[in-house]
N, C-alpha and C. Protein backbone atom coordinates (compact mmCIF):
# COMPACT_ATOMS: atom_id res chain seq x y z
N MET A 1 99.47 66.86 117.93
CA MET A 1 100.57 67.08 117.01
C MET A 1 100.06 67.10 115.56
N LEU A 2 99.16 66.18 115.26
CA LEU A 2 98.59 66.14 113.91
C LEU A 2 97.81 67.41 113.61
N PHE A 3 97.13 67.93 114.63
CA PHE A 3 96.38 69.18 114.46
C PHE A 3 97.33 70.32 114.11
N LEU A 4 98.49 70.37 114.76
CA LEU A 4 99.46 71.42 114.49
C LEU A 4 99.99 71.32 113.06
N VAL A 5 100.28 70.12 112.61
CA VAL A 5 100.76 69.93 111.24
C VAL A 5 99.69 70.35 110.24
N ALA A 6 98.45 69.98 110.49
CA ALA A 6 97.37 70.36 109.58
C ALA A 6 97.18 71.87 109.57
N ALA A 7 97.29 72.51 110.73
CA ALA A 7 97.14 73.96 110.80
C ALA A 7 98.26 74.66 110.03
N LEU A 8 99.47 74.19 110.17
CA LEU A 8 100.59 74.80 109.44
C LEU A 8 100.46 74.59 107.93
N LEU A 9 99.99 73.43 107.53
CA LEU A 9 99.76 73.16 106.11
C LEU A 9 98.69 74.09 105.56
N LEU A 10 97.61 74.25 106.29
CA LEU A 10 96.54 75.15 105.86
C LEU A 10 97.03 76.60 105.80
N LEU A 11 97.85 77.00 106.77
CA LEU A 11 98.40 78.35 106.76
C LEU A 11 99.26 78.57 105.52
N GLY A 12 100.08 77.59 105.17
CA GLY A 12 100.90 77.70 103.97
C GLY A 12 100.07 77.82 102.71
N ILE A 13 98.99 77.08 102.64
CA ILE A 13 98.12 77.14 101.46
C ILE A 13 97.45 78.51 101.37
N VAL A 14 96.96 79.01 102.50
CA VAL A 14 96.28 80.31 102.51
C VAL A 14 97.26 81.43 102.16
N LEU A 15 98.46 81.40 102.71
CA LEU A 15 99.42 82.44 102.39
C LEU A 15 99.83 82.39 100.93
N GLY A 16 99.94 81.21 100.37
CA GLY A 16 100.24 81.08 98.95
C GLY A 16 99.13 81.64 98.10
N THR A 17 97.90 81.43 98.52
CA THR A 17 96.75 81.95 97.78
C THR A 17 96.70 83.46 97.83
N VAL A 18 96.98 84.03 99.00
CA VAL A 18 96.94 85.48 99.16
C VAL A 18 97.96 86.16 98.26
N ALA A 19 99.06 85.51 97.99
CA ALA A 19 100.09 86.10 97.14
C ALA A 19 99.64 86.21 95.69
N HIS A 20 98.62 85.47 95.29
CA HIS A 20 98.20 85.44 93.89
C HIS A 20 96.86 86.12 93.61
N VAL A 21 96.16 86.55 94.64
CA VAL A 21 94.87 87.22 94.42
C VAL A 21 95.08 88.73 94.51
N PRO A 22 94.17 89.50 93.94
CA PRO A 22 94.29 90.96 94.01
C PRO A 22 94.21 91.47 95.46
N LEU A 23 94.78 92.64 95.69
CA LEU A 23 94.82 93.23 97.03
C LEU A 23 93.42 93.44 97.59
N SER A 24 92.47 93.84 96.76
CA SER A 24 91.11 94.10 97.25
C SER A 24 90.46 92.83 97.78
N VAL A 25 90.73 91.71 97.15
CA VAL A 25 90.18 90.43 97.63
C VAL A 25 90.81 90.05 98.95
N SER A 26 92.10 90.25 99.08
CA SER A 26 92.80 89.95 100.33
C SER A 26 92.28 90.82 101.47
N LEU A 27 92.09 92.10 101.19
CA LEU A 27 91.58 93.00 102.23
C LEU A 27 90.16 92.65 102.62
N ALA A 28 89.33 92.30 101.65
CA ALA A 28 87.96 91.91 101.96
C ALA A 28 87.93 90.65 102.84
N ALA A 29 88.77 89.68 102.51
CA ALA A 29 88.86 88.47 103.32
C ALA A 29 89.35 88.79 104.72
N ALA A 30 90.31 89.70 104.83
CA ALA A 30 90.83 90.09 106.15
C ALA A 30 89.75 90.75 106.99
N VAL A 31 88.92 91.58 106.37
CA VAL A 31 87.83 92.23 107.10
C VAL A 31 86.82 91.20 107.58
N VAL A 32 86.48 90.25 106.73
CA VAL A 32 85.51 89.21 107.11
C VAL A 32 86.06 88.37 108.26
N ILE A 33 87.32 87.98 108.17
CA ILE A 33 87.92 87.17 109.23
C ILE A 33 88.02 87.96 110.52
N GLY A 34 88.39 89.23 110.43
CA GLY A 34 88.47 90.09 111.62
C GLY A 34 87.12 90.26 112.29
N ALA A 35 86.07 90.44 111.50
CA ALA A 35 84.73 90.57 112.06
C ALA A 35 84.30 89.28 112.73
N TRP A 36 84.61 88.15 112.10
CA TRP A 36 84.26 86.86 112.69
C TRP A 36 84.98 86.67 114.03
N LEU A 37 86.24 87.02 114.09
CA LEU A 37 86.99 86.89 115.34
C LEU A 37 86.45 87.84 116.41
N ALA A 38 86.05 89.04 116.03
CA ALA A 38 85.49 89.98 116.99
C ALA A 38 84.17 89.46 117.56
N VAL A 39 83.32 88.91 116.70
CA VAL A 39 82.06 88.34 117.17
C VAL A 39 82.32 87.15 118.09
N PHE A 40 83.27 86.31 117.72
CA PHE A 40 83.61 85.15 118.55
C PHE A 40 84.11 85.60 119.92
N ALA A 41 85.00 86.60 119.95
CA ALA A 41 85.53 87.09 121.23
C ALA A 41 84.42 87.69 122.09
N TYR A 42 83.52 88.43 121.47
CA TYR A 42 82.40 89.02 122.22
C TYR A 42 81.51 87.94 122.81
N ARG A 43 81.19 86.93 122.01
CA ARG A 43 80.33 85.85 122.51
C ARG A 43 81.00 85.07 123.63
N GLU A 44 82.30 84.81 123.51
CA GLU A 44 83.02 84.10 124.57
C GLU A 44 83.05 84.92 125.85
N ARG A 45 83.33 86.20 125.74
CA ARG A 45 83.37 87.05 126.94
C ARG A 45 81.99 87.14 127.56
N HIS A 46 80.98 87.27 126.74
CA HIS A 46 79.61 87.38 127.25
C HIS A 46 79.20 86.07 127.92
N ALA A 47 79.57 84.94 127.37
CA ALA A 47 79.22 83.64 127.94
C ALA A 47 79.93 83.43 129.28
N ARG A 48 81.15 83.88 129.42
CA ARG A 48 81.89 83.70 130.67
C ARG A 48 81.33 84.56 131.78
N ARG A 49 80.79 85.71 131.45
CA ARG A 49 80.20 86.58 132.49
C ARG A 49 78.93 85.97 133.05
N GLY A 50 78.24 85.19 132.25
CA GLY A 50 76.99 84.59 132.70
C GLY A 50 77.18 83.40 133.64
N ARG A 51 78.35 82.82 133.63
CA ARG A 51 78.62 81.65 134.48
C ARG A 51 78.91 82.08 135.90
N THR A 52 78.48 81.24 136.84
CA THR A 52 78.78 81.49 138.24
C THR A 52 79.51 80.29 138.78
N THR A 53 80.47 80.51 139.65
CA THR A 53 81.20 79.40 140.27
C THR A 53 80.71 79.22 141.69
N ASP A 54 80.25 78.02 141.98
CA ASP A 54 79.74 77.72 143.33
C ASP A 54 80.62 76.69 143.99
């Protein structure tokens, strides 16, 4: 529950920040976050394929 509250607080802070920075900075941050999530998803999928269940 505490994790959820902290996540929502952080989301509110980030959204407030995005409203005050230029559009180019927001888009650059979105690209960086999207690339990080894509790499994370690829690594997770690749790691799950390597596991075998016995």
